[in-house]
Amino acid sequence: MWIDGQFWPFLLAITLLSMTPGVDTLLVIRNTSRGGVRDGVVTSLAICSGLFVHAAVSALGISLILLNSAWAFELLKLLGAGYLIWLGAQSLLSARRGAGLPVASVTSDGKASRRSLWLPLREGFLSNVLNPKTIVFYMAFLPQFIGPSDPPLLKSLWLASLHFLIANIWQIAIVLMIGRAGKWLAQRRVARGLNGLTGLMLVGFGLKLALAQRPG
């Protein structure tokens, strides 16, 4: 379906984009370190699920409204920035408390205590959907690969599905690498350092987003 001359350039561009470090990579590393491979995989799937929202928004023209409405863009930008800063603050608080990053904590009866899947699912999905930069990117990038005879919504979702697949392959590979270092990450000194670093970077990404100017 729609495998034409534009397929391979899109695949190459989206692969390079997926491998570029950013908020998504940082959040996947953070949540894998905190909750293990399961949480990391769920975070990756949740982040990439947000791509379908952006694809639909772009195809339906809602992104044009956001870009042409100063207050709507500012509101979305501040929500996204605030959420990233909140995630970063949570990591910094854990670093200050000296909290570890156990891959699976064990209760007194010997059974592994697992976090609810809702937490990494919510964090991953919201971090992507509330990012106006992704809306801007999809609005500018996807139309280049949608022909005049293509149904815009279906073609956009098809392209987003390719992005979903490539990004998950890359992010889950990172999850597995982090998962293999579980015992090392559980050490208190390492845990505090990683919590502090990811917290500072998330806060930095949030501040950068808050200060970003509306395109055009």
N, C-alpha and C. Protein backbone atom coordinates (compact mmCIF):
# COMPACT_ATOMS: atom_id res chain seq x y z
N MET A 1 0.84 -1.21 0.00
CA MET A 1 0.00 0.00 0.00
C MET A 1 0.87 1.25 0.00
N TRP A 2 0.76 2.08 -1.04
CA TRP A 2 1.49 3.34 -1.15
C TRP A 2 3.00 3.15 -1.06
N ILE A 3 3.52 2.03 -1.57
CA ILE A 3 4.97 1.86 -1.64
C ILE A 3 5.40 2.32 -3.02
N ASP A 4 5.79 3.59 -3.12
CA ASP A 4 6.14 4.18 -4.39
C ASP A 4 7.52 4.84 -4.28
N GLY A 5 7.82 5.74 -5.20
CA GLY A 5 9.11 6.39 -5.18
C GLY A 5 9.36 7.25 -3.97
N GLN A 6 8.29 7.66 -3.27
CA GLN A 6 8.44 8.49 -2.08
C GLN A 6 8.60 7.67 -0.81
N PHE A 7 8.38 6.37 -0.91
CA PHE A 7 8.41 5.51 0.28
C PHE A 7 9.80 5.50 0.92
N TRP A 8 10.85 5.24 0.11
CA TRP A 8 12.19 5.08 0.66
C TRP A 8 12.77 6.39 1.20
N PRO A 9 12.58 7.52 0.52
CA PRO A 9 13.04 8.77 1.14
C PRO A 9 12.36 9.06 2.48
N PHE A 10 11.06 8.76 2.56
CA PHE A 10 10.35 8.97 3.83
C PHE A 10 10.90 8.04 4.90
N LEU A 11 11.13 6.77 4.54
CA LEU A 11 11.63 5.79 5.50
C LEU A 11 13.00 6.20 6.03
N LEU A 12 13.87 6.68 5.14
CA LEU A 12 15.20 7.12 5.56
C LEU A 12 15.11 8.33 6.48
N ALA A 13 14.28 9.30 6.10
CA ALA A 13 14.16 10.52 6.90
C ALA A 13 13.59 10.22 8.28
N ILE A 14 12.59 9.36 8.34
CA ILE A 14 11.94 9.07 9.61
C ILE A 14 12.83 8.20 10.49
N THR A 15 13.69 7.37 9.87
CA THR A 15 14.64 6.56 10.65
C THR A 15 15.68 7.45 11.31
N LEU A 16 16.22 8.40 10.55
CA LEU A 16 17.20 9.32 11.11
C LEU A 16 16.58 10.17 12.21
N LEU A 17 15.34 10.60 12.01
CA LEU A 17 14.64 11.39 13.02
C LEU A 17 14.44 10.57 14.30
N SER A 18 14.04 9.32 14.15
CA SER A 18 13.78 8.46 15.31
C SER A 18 15.04 8.21 16.13
N MET A 19 16.20 8.18 15.46
CA MET A 19 17.45 7.90 16.15
C MET A 19 18.09 9.14 16.75
N THR A 20 17.50 10.30 16.49
CA THR A 20 18.03 11.55 17.06
C THR A 20 17.60 11.66 18.52
N PRO A 21 18.55 11.79 19.45
CA PRO A 21 18.19 11.87 20.88
C PRO A 21 17.31 13.09 21.16
N GLY A 22 16.34 12.89 22.04
CA GLY A 22 15.44 13.97 22.41
C GLY A 22 14.61 13.56 23.61
N VAL A 23 13.47 14.21 23.78
CA VAL A 23 12.61 13.94 24.92
C VAL A 23 12.14 12.49 24.94
N ASP A 24 11.77 11.94 23.78
CA ASP A 24 11.28 10.57 23.73
C ASP A 24 12.32 9.58 24.24
N THR A 25 13.55 9.71 23.75
CA THR A 25 14.63 8.83 24.18
C THR A 25 14.88 8.97 25.67
N LEU A 26 14.90 10.19 26.15
CA LEU A 26 15.16 10.45 27.56
C LEU A 26 14.09 9.84 28.45
N LEU A 27 12.83 9.97 28.04
CA LEU A 27 11.74 9.43 28.84
C LEU A 27 11.76 7.91 28.84
N VAL A 28 12.09 7.31 27.72
CA VAL A 28 12.21 5.85 27.65
C VAL A 28 13.31 5.36 28.59
N ILE A 29 14.46 6.02 28.59
CA ILE A 29 15.56 5.64 29.47
C ILE A 29 15.15 5.81 30.94
N ARG A 30 14.51 6.93 31.22
CA ARG A 30 14.08 7.22 32.60
C ARG A 30 13.12 6.15 33.12
N ASN A 31 12.10 5.82 32.32
CA ASN A 31 11.08 4.89 32.79
C ASN A 31 11.58 3.45 32.81
N THR A 32 12.50 3.10 31.93
CA THR A 32 13.08 1.76 31.97
C THR A 32 13.93 1.62 33.23
N SER A 33 14.69 2.65 33.55
CA SER A 33 15.52 2.62 34.75
C SER A 33 14.66 2.54 36.01
N ARG A 34 13.52 3.19 35.97
CA ARG A 34 12.63 3.23 37.14
C ARG A 34 11.82 1.96 37.30
N GLY A 35 11.29 1.42 36.20
CA GLY A 35 10.35 0.30 36.32
C GLY A 35 10.69 -0.94 35.53
N GLY A 36 11.84 -0.98 34.88
CA GLY A 36 12.23 -2.18 34.15
C GLY A 36 11.81 -2.18 32.69
N VAL A 37 12.12 -3.29 32.04
CA VAL A 37 11.87 -3.42 30.60
C VAL A 37 10.39 -3.24 30.28
N ARG A 38 9.52 -3.80 31.09
CA ARG A 38 8.08 -3.69 30.82
C ARG A 38 7.63 -2.24 30.74
N ASP A 39 8.06 -1.43 31.71
CA ASP A 39 7.68 -0.01 31.71
C ASP A 39 8.29 0.73 30.53
N GLY A 40 9.52 0.35 30.17
CA GLY A 40 10.16 0.98 29.03
C GLY A 40 9.44 0.72 27.73
N VAL A 41 9.03 -0.54 27.53
CA VAL A 41 8.30 -0.91 26.31
C VAL A 41 6.96 -0.20 26.26
N VAL A 42 6.25 -0.16 27.37
CA VAL A 42 4.95 0.52 27.42
C VAL A 42 5.11 2.01 27.14
N THR A 43 6.17 2.61 27.69
CA THR A 43 6.44 4.02 27.44
C THR A 43 6.67 4.28 25.96
N SER A 44 7.47 3.42 25.33
CA SER A 44 7.75 3.56 23.89
C SER A 44 6.47 3.45 23.07
N LEU A 45 5.66 2.44 23.36
CA LEU A 45 4.40 2.25 22.63
C LEU A 45 3.47 3.45 22.82
N ALA A 46 3.44 3.98 24.04
CA ALA A 46 2.57 5.12 24.33
C ALA A 46 3.03 6.37 23.60
N ILE A 47 4.35 6.61 23.63
CA ILE A 47 4.90 7.77 22.92
C ILE A 47 4.53 7.71 21.44
N CYS A 48 4.77 6.55 20.84
CA CYS A 48 4.56 6.40 19.40
C CYS A 48 3.08 6.38 19.03
N SER A 49 2.22 6.01 19.96
CA SER A 49 0.78 6.06 19.69
C SER A 49 0.32 7.49 19.47
N GLY A 50 1.01 8.43 20.12
CA GLY A 50 0.67 9.84 19.93
C GLY A 50 0.89 10.32 18.51
N LEU A 51 1.72 9.61 17.74
CA LEU A 51 1.97 9.99 16.35
C LEU A 51 0.71 9.92 15.51
N PHE A 52 -0.16 8.97 15.82
CA PHE A 52 -1.41 8.84 15.07
C PHE A 52 -2.32 10.03 15.33
N VAL A 53 -2.26 10.55 16.55
CA VAL A 53 -3.04 11.75 16.88
C VAL A 53 -2.54 12.93 16.04
N HIS A 54 -1.21 13.10 15.99
CA HIS A 54 -0.64 14.20 15.23
C HIS A 54 -0.92 14.05 13.74
N ALA A 55 -0.87 12.80 13.24
CA ALA A 55 -1.15 12.57 11.82
C ALA A 55 -2.58 12.95 11.48
N ALA A 56 -3.51 12.56 12.34
CA ALA A 56 -4.92 12.88 12.10
C ALA A 56 -5.16 14.38 12.20
N VAL A 57 -4.54 15.01 13.20
CA VAL A 57 -4.68 16.45 13.38
C VAL A 57 -4.16 17.19 12.14
N SER A 58 -3.01 16.74 11.64
CA SER A 58 -2.42 17.37 10.46
C SER A 58 -3.31 17.20 9.23
N ALA A 59 -3.80 15.97 9.03
CA ALA A 59 -4.62 15.69 7.85
C ALA A 59 -5.95 16.43 7.88
N LEU A 60 -6.51 16.59 9.06
CA LEU A 60 -7.82 17.25 9.18
C LEU A 60 -7.71 18.77 9.23
N GLY A 61 -6.50 19.28 9.24
CA GLY A 61 -6.31 20.72 9.19
C GLY A 61 -6.39 21.41 10.54
N ILE A 62 -6.54 20.65 11.61
CA ILE A 62 -6.64 21.29 12.93
C ILE A 62 -5.33 21.97 13.29
N SER A 63 -4.21 21.40 12.80
CA SER A 63 -2.92 21.99 13.09
C SER A 63 -2.82 23.41 12.53
N LEU A 64 -3.49 23.66 11.41
CA LEU A 64 -3.49 25.01 10.84
C LEU A 64 -4.14 26.01 11.79
N ILE A 65 -5.20 25.55 12.44
CA ILE A 65 -5.88 26.41 13.42
C ILE A 65 -4.94 26.73 14.58
N LEU A 66 -4.24 25.69 15.06
CA LEU A 66 -3.33 25.88 16.18
C LEU A 66 -2.20 26.84 15.81
N LEU A 67 -1.68 26.69 14.61
CA LEU A 67 -0.55 27.52 14.18
C LEU A 67 -0.97 28.95 13.91
N ASN A 68 -2.22 29.15 13.47
CA ASN A 68 -2.70 30.48 13.15
C ASN A 68 -3.37 31.18 14.34
N SER A 69 -3.55 30.44 15.42
CA SER A 69 -4.15 31.02 16.62
C SER A 69 -3.07 31.14 17.70
N ALA A 70 -2.68 32.35 18.01
CA ALA A 70 -1.59 32.57 18.96
C ALA A 70 -1.92 31.99 20.33
N TRP A 71 -3.14 32.22 20.81
CA TRP A 71 -3.47 31.77 22.16
C TRP A 71 -3.57 30.25 22.24
N ALA A 72 -4.07 29.60 21.16
CA ALA A 72 -4.18 28.15 21.17
C ALA A 72 -2.80 27.51 21.16
N PHE A 73 -1.91 28.05 20.34
CA PHE A 73 -0.56 27.51 20.28
C PHE A 73 0.15 27.72 21.62
N GLU A 74 0.02 28.90 22.20
CA GLU A 74 0.67 29.19 23.47
C GLU A 74 0.15 28.28 24.57
N LEU A 75 -1.16 28.03 24.57
CA LEU A 75 -1.74 27.17 25.59
C LEU A 75 -1.18 25.76 25.48
N LEU A 76 -1.16 25.21 24.26
CA LEU A 76 -0.63 23.86 24.06
C LEU A 76 0.85 23.81 24.42
N LYS A 77 1.58 24.85 24.02
CA LYS A 77 3.01 24.90 24.32
C LYS A 77 3.28 24.91 25.82
N LEU A 78 2.51 25.71 26.55
CA LEU A 78 2.71 25.81 27.99
C LEU A 78 2.29 24.53 28.71
N LEU A 79 1.24 23.88 28.21
CA LEU A 79 0.84 22.60 28.79
C LEU A 79 1.95 21.56 28.61
N GLY A 80 2.48 21.49 27.39
CA GLY A 80 3.56 20.54 27.12
C GLY A 80 4.80 20.84 27.93
N ALA A 81 5.18 22.12 28.00
CA ALA A 81 6.36 22.52 28.75
C ALA A 81 6.18 22.23 30.24
N GLY A 82 5.00 22.55 30.75
CA GLY A 82 4.71 22.31 32.16
C GLY A 82 4.78 20.84 32.51
N TYR A 83 4.31 19.99 31.59
CA TYR A 83 4.33 18.55 31.85
C TYR A 83 5.76 18.02 31.89
N LEU A 84 6.61 18.48 30.96
CA LEU A 84 8.00 18.05 30.95
C LEU A 84 8.73 18.52 32.21
N ILE A 85 8.47 19.75 32.62
CA ILE A 85 9.10 20.28 33.83
C ILE A 85 8.64 19.50 35.05
N TRP A 86 7.36 19.12 35.07
CA TRP A 86 6.84 18.33 36.19
C TRP A 86 7.51 16.96 36.24
N LEU A 87 7.68 16.31 35.08
CA LEU A 87 8.37 15.02 35.05
C LEU A 87 9.81 15.17 35.54
N GLY A 88 10.46 16.25 35.09
CA GLY A 88 11.83 16.49 35.52
C GLY A 88 11.92 16.74 37.02
N ALA A 89 10.96 17.48 37.56
CA ALA A 89 10.95 17.76 38.99
C ALA A 89 10.78 16.48 39.80
N GLN A 90 9.97 15.55 39.28
CA GLN A 90 9.79 14.27 39.96
C GLN A 90 11.11 13.51 40.03
N SER A 91 11.88 13.52 38.94
CA SER A 91 13.17 12.84 38.93
C SER A 91 14.16 13.52 39.87
N LEU A 92 14.16 14.85 39.89
CA LEU A 92 15.06 15.58 40.77
C LEU A 92 14.72 15.33 42.23
N LEU A 93 13.44 15.21 42.54
CA LEU A 93 13.01 14.90 43.91
C LEU A 93 13.49 13.52 44.31
N SER A 94 13.39 12.56 43.38
CA SER A 94 13.88 11.21 43.67
C SER A 94 15.38 11.21 43.90
N ALA A 95 16.11 12.03 43.12
CA ALA A 95 17.56 12.12 43.29
C ALA A 95 17.90 12.70 44.66
N ARG A 96 17.15 13.70 45.07
CA ARG A 96 17.41 14.34 46.37
C ARG A 96 17.15 13.37 47.52
N ARG A 97 16.11 12.56 47.36
CA ARG A 97 15.77 11.60 48.41
C ARG A 97 16.71 10.39 48.41
N GLY A 98 17.49 10.26 47.32
CA GLY A 98 18.38 9.12 47.22
C GLY A 98 17.66 7.85 46.85
N ALA A 99 16.51 8.00 46.17
CA ALA A 99 15.71 6.82 45.80
C ALA A 99 16.45 6.01 44.75
N GLY A 100 16.35 4.71 44.87
CA GLY A 100 16.95 3.82 43.89
C GLY A 100 16.07 3.66 42.68
N LEU A 101 16.58 2.91 41.71
CA LEU A 101 15.83 2.67 40.49
C LEU A 101 15.69 1.17 40.28
N PRO A 102 15.00 0.47 41.20
CA PRO A 102 14.90 -0.98 41.09
C PRO A 102 14.11 -1.40 39.88
N VAL A 103 14.61 -2.39 39.15
CA VAL A 103 13.88 -2.90 38.00
C VAL A 103 12.63 -3.63 38.45
N ALA A 104 12.69 -4.31 39.55
CA ALA A 104 11.50 -4.96 40.11
C ALA A 104 11.71 -5.08 41.61
N SER A 105 11.04 -4.25 42.39
CA SER A 105 11.20 -4.33 43.83
C SER A 105 10.52 -5.59 44.35
N VAL A 106 11.03 -6.13 45.46
CA VAL A 106 10.50 -7.38 46.01
C VAL A 106 9.86 -7.12 47.34
N THR A 107 8.65 -7.59 47.53
CA THR A 107 7.92 -7.40 48.77
C THR A 107 8.36 -8.43 49.79
N SER A 108 7.85 -8.30 51.01
CA SER A 108 8.26 -9.19 52.09
C SER A 108 7.90 -10.64 51.84
N ASP A 109 6.87 -10.90 51.02
CA ASP A 109 6.49 -12.28 50.76
C ASP A 109 7.23 -12.86 49.55
N GLY A 110 8.21 -12.10 49.04
CA GLY A 110 9.04 -12.63 47.96
C GLY A 110 8.49 -12.40 46.57
N LYS A 111 7.35 -11.75 46.44
CA LYS A 111 6.76 -11.52 45.13
C LYS A 111 7.17 -10.15 44.59
N ALA A 112 7.39 -10.09 43.32
CA ALA A 112 7.80 -8.83 42.70
C ALA A 112 6.66 -7.83 42.74
N SER A 113 6.97 -6.63 43.18
CA SER A 113 5.97 -5.56 43.22
C SER A 113 6.11 -4.73 41.95
N ARG A 114 5.06 -4.67 41.15
CA ARG A 114 5.11 -3.98 39.86
C ARG A 114 4.25 -2.72 39.88
N ARG A 115 4.74 -1.68 39.26
CA ARG A 115 3.96 -0.47 39.13
C ARG A 115 2.81 -0.68 38.16
N SER A 116 1.80 0.13 38.31
CA SER A 116 0.69 0.08 37.37
C SER A 116 1.18 0.51 35.99
N LEU A 117 0.67 -0.16 34.95
CA LEU A 117 1.04 0.19 33.59
C LEU A 117 0.50 1.57 33.20
N TRP A 118 -0.47 2.06 33.96
CA TRP A 118 -1.07 3.34 33.63
C TRP A 118 -0.05 4.47 33.71
N LEU A 119 0.91 4.38 34.64
CA LEU A 119 1.88 5.46 34.83
C LEU A 119 2.77 5.65 33.60
N PRO A 120 3.50 4.63 33.11
CA PRO A 120 4.32 4.85 31.91
C PRO A 120 3.47 5.11 30.66
N LEU A 121 2.27 4.54 30.63
CA LEU A 121 1.38 4.76 29.49
C LEU A 121 0.97 6.23 29.42
N ARG A 122 0.58 6.77 30.56
CA ARG A 122 0.15 8.17 30.60
C ARG A 122 1.32 9.12 30.31
N GLU A 123 2.46 8.85 30.94
CA GLU A 123 3.62 9.72 30.76
C GLU A 123 4.08 9.76 29.30
N GLY A 124 4.15 8.58 28.68
CA GLY A 124 4.60 8.51 27.30
C GLY A 124 3.64 9.19 26.34
N PHE A 125 2.37 8.91 26.48
CA PHE A 125 1.37 9.44 25.55
C PHE A 125 1.26 10.96 25.67
N LEU A 126 1.17 11.46 26.90
CA LEU A 126 0.99 12.90 27.09
C LEU A 126 2.23 13.68 26.66
N SER A 127 3.43 13.11 26.90
CA SER A 127 4.64 13.83 26.52
C SER A 127 4.70 14.05 25.01
N ASN A 128 4.12 13.13 24.25
CA ASN A 128 4.12 13.26 22.79
C ASN A 128 2.97 14.15 22.31
N VAL A 129 1.77 13.88 22.80
CA VAL A 129 0.58 14.60 22.31
C VAL A 129 0.64 16.09 22.68
N LEU A 130 1.24 16.42 23.81
CA LEU A 130 1.29 17.81 24.25
C LEU A 130 2.49 18.57 23.69
N ASN A 131 3.20 17.96 22.77
CA ASN A 131 4.38 18.61 22.19
C ASN A 131 3.99 19.31 20.87
N PRO A 132 3.87 20.63 20.86
CA PRO A 132 3.46 21.33 19.64
C PRO A 132 4.50 21.22 18.52
N LYS A 133 5.75 20.92 18.88
CA LYS A 133 6.78 20.78 17.85
C LYS A 133 6.48 19.60 16.93
N THR A 134 5.87 18.55 17.50
CA THR A 134 5.52 17.40 16.67
C THR A 134 4.38 17.76 15.72
N ILE A 135 3.46 18.57 16.19
CA ILE A 135 2.37 19.04 15.33
C ILE A 135 2.93 19.83 14.16
N VAL A 136 3.85 20.75 14.47
CA VAL A 136 4.46 21.58 13.43
C VAL A 136 5.23 20.70 12.44
N PHE A 137 5.98 19.73 12.97
CA PHE A 137 6.77 18.85 12.10
C PHE A 137 5.88 18.04 11.17
N TYR A 138 4.82 17.46 11.72
CA TYR A 138 3.94 16.63 10.89
C TYR A 138 3.21 17.46 9.84
N MET A 139 2.83 18.67 10.21
CA MET A 139 2.13 19.52 9.26
C MET A 139 3.04 19.92 8.09
N ALA A 140 4.34 20.13 8.39
CA ALA A 140 5.28 20.54 7.36
C ALA A 140 5.86 19.36 6.58
N PHE A 141 5.98 18.21 7.25
CA PHE A 141 6.69 17.07 6.66
C PHE A 141 5.77 16.13 5.88
N LEU A 142 4.66 15.73 6.47
CA LEU A 142 3.80 14.72 5.85
C LEU A 142 3.25 15.13 4.48
N PRO A 143 2.80 16.38 4.29
CA PRO A 143 2.24 16.75 2.99
C PRO A 143 3.18 16.52 1.81
N GLN A 144 4.49 16.50 2.07
CA GLN A 144 5.45 16.28 0.99
C GLN A 144 5.33 14.86 0.41
N PHE A 145 4.73 13.96 1.17
CA PHE A 145 4.63 12.57 0.76
C PHE A 145 3.18 12.15 0.48
N ILE A 146 2.30 13.13 0.38
CA ILE A 146 0.89 12.86 0.09
C ILE A 146 0.55 13.45 -1.28
N GLY A 147 0.25 12.58 -2.24
CA GLY A 147 -0.06 13.02 -3.59
C GLY A 147 -1.45 13.61 -3.71
N PRO A 148 -1.73 14.31 -4.80
CA PRO A 148 -3.05 14.92 -5.01
C PRO A 148 -4.19 13.92 -5.02
N SER A 149 -3.92 12.69 -5.47
CA SER A 149 -4.97 11.68 -5.55
C SER A 149 -5.07 10.82 -4.29
N ASP A 150 -4.18 11.04 -3.32
CA ASP A 150 -4.19 10.24 -2.09
C ASP A 150 -5.23 10.78 -1.11
N PRO A 151 -5.96 9.90 -0.42
CA PRO A 151 -6.84 10.36 0.66
C PRO A 151 -5.97 10.87 1.82
N PRO A 152 -6.04 12.15 2.16
CA PRO A 152 -5.10 12.73 3.13
C PRO A 152 -5.05 12.02 4.48
N LEU A 153 -6.23 11.70 5.05
CA LEU A 153 -6.25 11.10 6.38
C LEU A 153 -5.64 9.70 6.36
N LEU A 154 -6.06 8.87 5.40
CA LEU A 154 -5.55 7.51 5.33
C LEU A 154 -4.05 7.48 5.04
N LYS A 155 -3.60 8.34 4.13
CA LYS A 155 -2.18 8.39 3.80
C LYS A 155 -1.36 8.88 5.00
N SER A 156 -1.89 9.85 5.72
CA SER A 156 -1.19 10.37 6.90
C SER A 156 -1.06 9.29 7.97
N LEU A 157 -2.13 8.53 8.19
CA LEU A 157 -2.09 7.45 9.18
C LEU A 157 -1.15 6.34 8.74
N TRP A 158 -1.08 6.07 7.44
CA TRP A 158 -0.16 5.08 6.90
C TRP A 158 1.30 5.50 7.15
N LEU A 159 1.60 6.78 6.88
CA LEU A 159 2.94 7.28 7.13
C LEU A 159 3.26 7.27 8.62
N ALA A 160 2.28 7.61 9.45
CA ALA A 160 2.48 7.58 10.90
C ALA A 160 2.74 6.15 11.39
N SER A 161 2.10 5.17 10.75
CA SER A 161 2.32 3.78 11.15
C SER A 161 3.76 3.34 10.86
N LEU A 162 4.34 3.85 9.77
CA LEU A 162 5.75 3.57 9.48
C LEU A 162 6.65 4.21 10.54
N HIS A 163 6.33 5.45 10.89
CA HIS A 163 7.07 6.14 11.95
C HIS A 163 6.93 5.39 13.27
N PHE A 164 5.73 4.93 13.56
CA PHE A 164 5.45 4.16 14.78
C PHE A 164 6.35 2.92 14.84
N LEU A 165 6.44 2.20 13.73
CA LEU A 165 7.22 0.97 13.68
C LEU A 165 8.71 1.24 13.87
N ILE A 166 9.24 2.19 13.10
CA ILE A 166 10.68 2.49 13.16
C ILE A 166 11.07 3.02 14.54
N ALA A 167 10.28 3.96 15.06
CA ALA A 167 10.61 4.56 16.36
C ALA A 167 10.57 3.52 17.48
N ASN A 168 9.60 2.60 17.42
CA ASN A 168 9.52 1.57 18.45
C ASN A 168 10.69 0.60 18.37
N ILE A 169 11.10 0.24 17.18
CA ILE A 169 12.25 -0.65 17.03
C ILE A 169 13.48 -0.03 17.70
N TRP A 170 13.71 1.25 17.42
CA TRP A 170 14.86 1.93 17.98
C TRP A 170 14.75 2.09 19.50
N GLN A 171 13.58 2.55 19.96
CA GLN A 171 13.42 2.80 21.40
C GLN A 171 13.40 1.52 22.21
N ILE A 172 12.81 0.47 21.69
CA ILE A 172 12.79 -0.79 22.44
C ILE A 172 14.18 -1.42 22.47
N ALA A 173 15.00 -1.18 21.45
CA ALA A 173 16.39 -1.62 21.49
C ALA A 173 17.11 -0.92 22.65
N ILE A 174 16.82 0.37 22.84
CA ILE A 174 17.40 1.11 23.97
C ILE A 174 16.90 0.53 25.29
N VAL A 175 15.61 0.22 25.33
CA VAL A 175 15.02 -0.37 26.54
C VAL A 175 15.74 -1.66 26.92
N LEU A 176 15.99 -2.52 25.96
CA LEU A 176 16.64 -3.80 26.23
C LEU A 176 18.07 -3.60 26.72
N MET A 177 18.77 -2.61 26.16
CA MET A 177 20.13 -2.33 26.61
C MET A 177 20.13 -1.82 28.05
N ILE A 178 19.19 -0.92 28.36
CA ILE A 178 19.08 -0.41 29.73
C ILE A 178 18.68 -1.53 30.68
N GLY A 179 17.76 -2.39 30.21
CA GLY A 179 17.30 -3.50 31.05
C GLY A 179 18.41 -4.45 31.46
N ARG A 180 19.39 -4.63 30.60
CA ARG A 180 20.51 -5.52 30.91
C ARG A 180 21.42 -4.93 31.98
N ALA A 181 21.31 -3.62 32.17
CA ALA A 181 22.13 -2.96 33.19
C ALA A 181 21.35 -2.73 34.47
N GLY A 182 20.29 -3.53 34.68
CA GLY A 182 19.39 -3.32 35.81
C GLY A 182 20.06 -3.32 37.17
N LYS A 183 20.94 -4.28 37.42
CA LYS A 183 21.60 -4.38 38.73
C LYS A 183 22.50 -3.17 38.98
N TRP A 184 23.18 -2.73 37.93
CA TRP A 184 24.05 -1.57 38.05
C TRP A 184 23.23 -0.32 38.34
N LEU A 185 22.09 -0.18 37.64
CA LEU A 185 21.24 0.99 37.82
C LEU A 185 20.58 1.02 39.20
N ALA A 186 20.47 -0.17 39.83
CA ALA A 186 19.82 -0.23 41.14
C ALA A 186 20.72 0.29 42.26
N GLN A 187 22.02 0.47 41.98
CA GLN A 187 22.91 1.01 42.99
C GLN A 187 22.52 2.45 43.32
N ARG A 188 22.55 2.78 44.59
CA ARG A 188 22.02 4.07 45.03
C ARG A 188 22.75 5.24 44.38
N ARG A 189 24.09 5.19 44.33
CA ARG A 189 24.85 6.30 43.75
C ARG A 189 24.52 6.49 42.27
N VAL A 190 24.44 5.38 41.54
CA VAL A 190 24.11 5.44 40.12
C VAL A 190 22.69 5.95 39.93
N ALA A 191 21.78 5.44 40.78
CA ALA A 191 20.37 5.85 40.68
C ALA A 191 20.21 7.35 40.90
N ARG A 192 20.89 7.86 41.91
CA ARG A 192 20.78 9.30 42.19
C ARG A 192 21.34 10.13 41.03
N GLY A 193 22.47 9.68 40.50
CA GLY A 193 23.07 10.41 39.39
C GLY A 193 22.17 10.41 38.16
N LEU A 194 21.58 9.25 37.84
CA LEU A 194 20.72 9.16 36.66
C LEU A 194 19.44 9.95 36.86
N ASN A 195 18.88 9.87 38.07
CA ASN A 195 17.68 10.65 38.36
C ASN A 195 17.97 12.15 38.22
N GLY A 196 19.10 12.57 38.75
CA GLY A 196 19.45 13.98 38.68
C GLY A 196 19.67 14.44 37.25
N LEU A 197 20.38 13.62 36.46
CA LEU A 197 20.68 13.99 35.08
C LEU A 197 19.41 14.04 34.23
N THR A 198 18.57 13.01 34.32
CA THR A 198 17.35 13.00 33.53
C THR A 198 16.41 14.11 33.98
N GLY A 199 16.39 14.38 35.29
CA GLY A 199 15.54 15.46 35.79
C GLY A 199 15.95 16.81 35.23
N LEU A 200 17.25 17.09 35.26
CA LEU A 200 17.74 18.36 34.72
C LEU A 200 17.47 18.49 33.23
N MET A 201 17.65 17.40 32.49
CA MET A 201 17.43 17.44 31.05
C MET A 201 15.96 17.62 30.71
N LEU A 202 15.07 16.96 31.46
CA LEU A 202 13.64 17.13 31.21
C LEU A 202 13.19 18.56 31.52
N VAL A 203 13.70 19.10 32.62
CA VAL A 203 13.38 20.49 32.96
C VAL A 203 13.92 21.42 31.87
N GLY A 204 15.13 21.12 31.38
CA GLY A 204 15.72 21.92 30.32
C GLY A 204 14.89 21.88 29.03
N PHE A 205 14.44 20.68 28.66
CA PHE A 205 13.58 20.55 27.48
C PHE A 205 12.28 21.33 27.68
N GLY A 206 11.74 21.26 28.89
CA GLY A 206 10.50 21.98 29.18
C GLY A 206 10.66 23.48 29.07
N LEU A 207 11.76 24.01 29.62
CA LEU A 207 12.02 25.44 29.54
C LEU A 207 12.26 25.88 28.10
N LYS A 208 12.98 25.05 27.35
CA LYS A 208 13.23 25.37 25.95
C LYS A 208 11.93 25.44 25.16
N LEU A 209 11.02 24.49 25.45
CA LEU A 209 9.73 24.49 24.78
C LEU A 209 8.91 25.72 25.17
N ALA A 210 8.95 26.07 26.47
CA ALA A 210 8.17 27.21 26.94
C ALA A 210 8.62 28.52 26.28
N LEU A 211 9.91 28.61 25.95
CA LEU A 211 10.45 29.83 25.37
C LEU A 211 10.41 29.85 23.85
N ALA A 212 9.98 28.71 23.25
CA ALA A 212 9.96 28.62 21.79
C ALA A 212 8.94 29.59 21.20
N GLN A 213 9.27 30.16 20.05
CA GLN A 213 8.38 31.10 19.37
C GLN A 213 7.45 30.37 18.42
N ARG A 214 6.26 30.90 18.23
CA ARG A 214 5.29 30.31 17.29
C ARG A 214 5.81 30.45 15.86
N PRO A 215 5.80 29.35 15.07
CA PRO A 215 6.27 29.43 13.68
C PRO A 215 5.47 30.44 12.86
N GLY A 216 6.17 31.06 11.93
CA GLY A 216 5.48 31.98 11.02
C GLY A 216 5.23 33.33 11.63
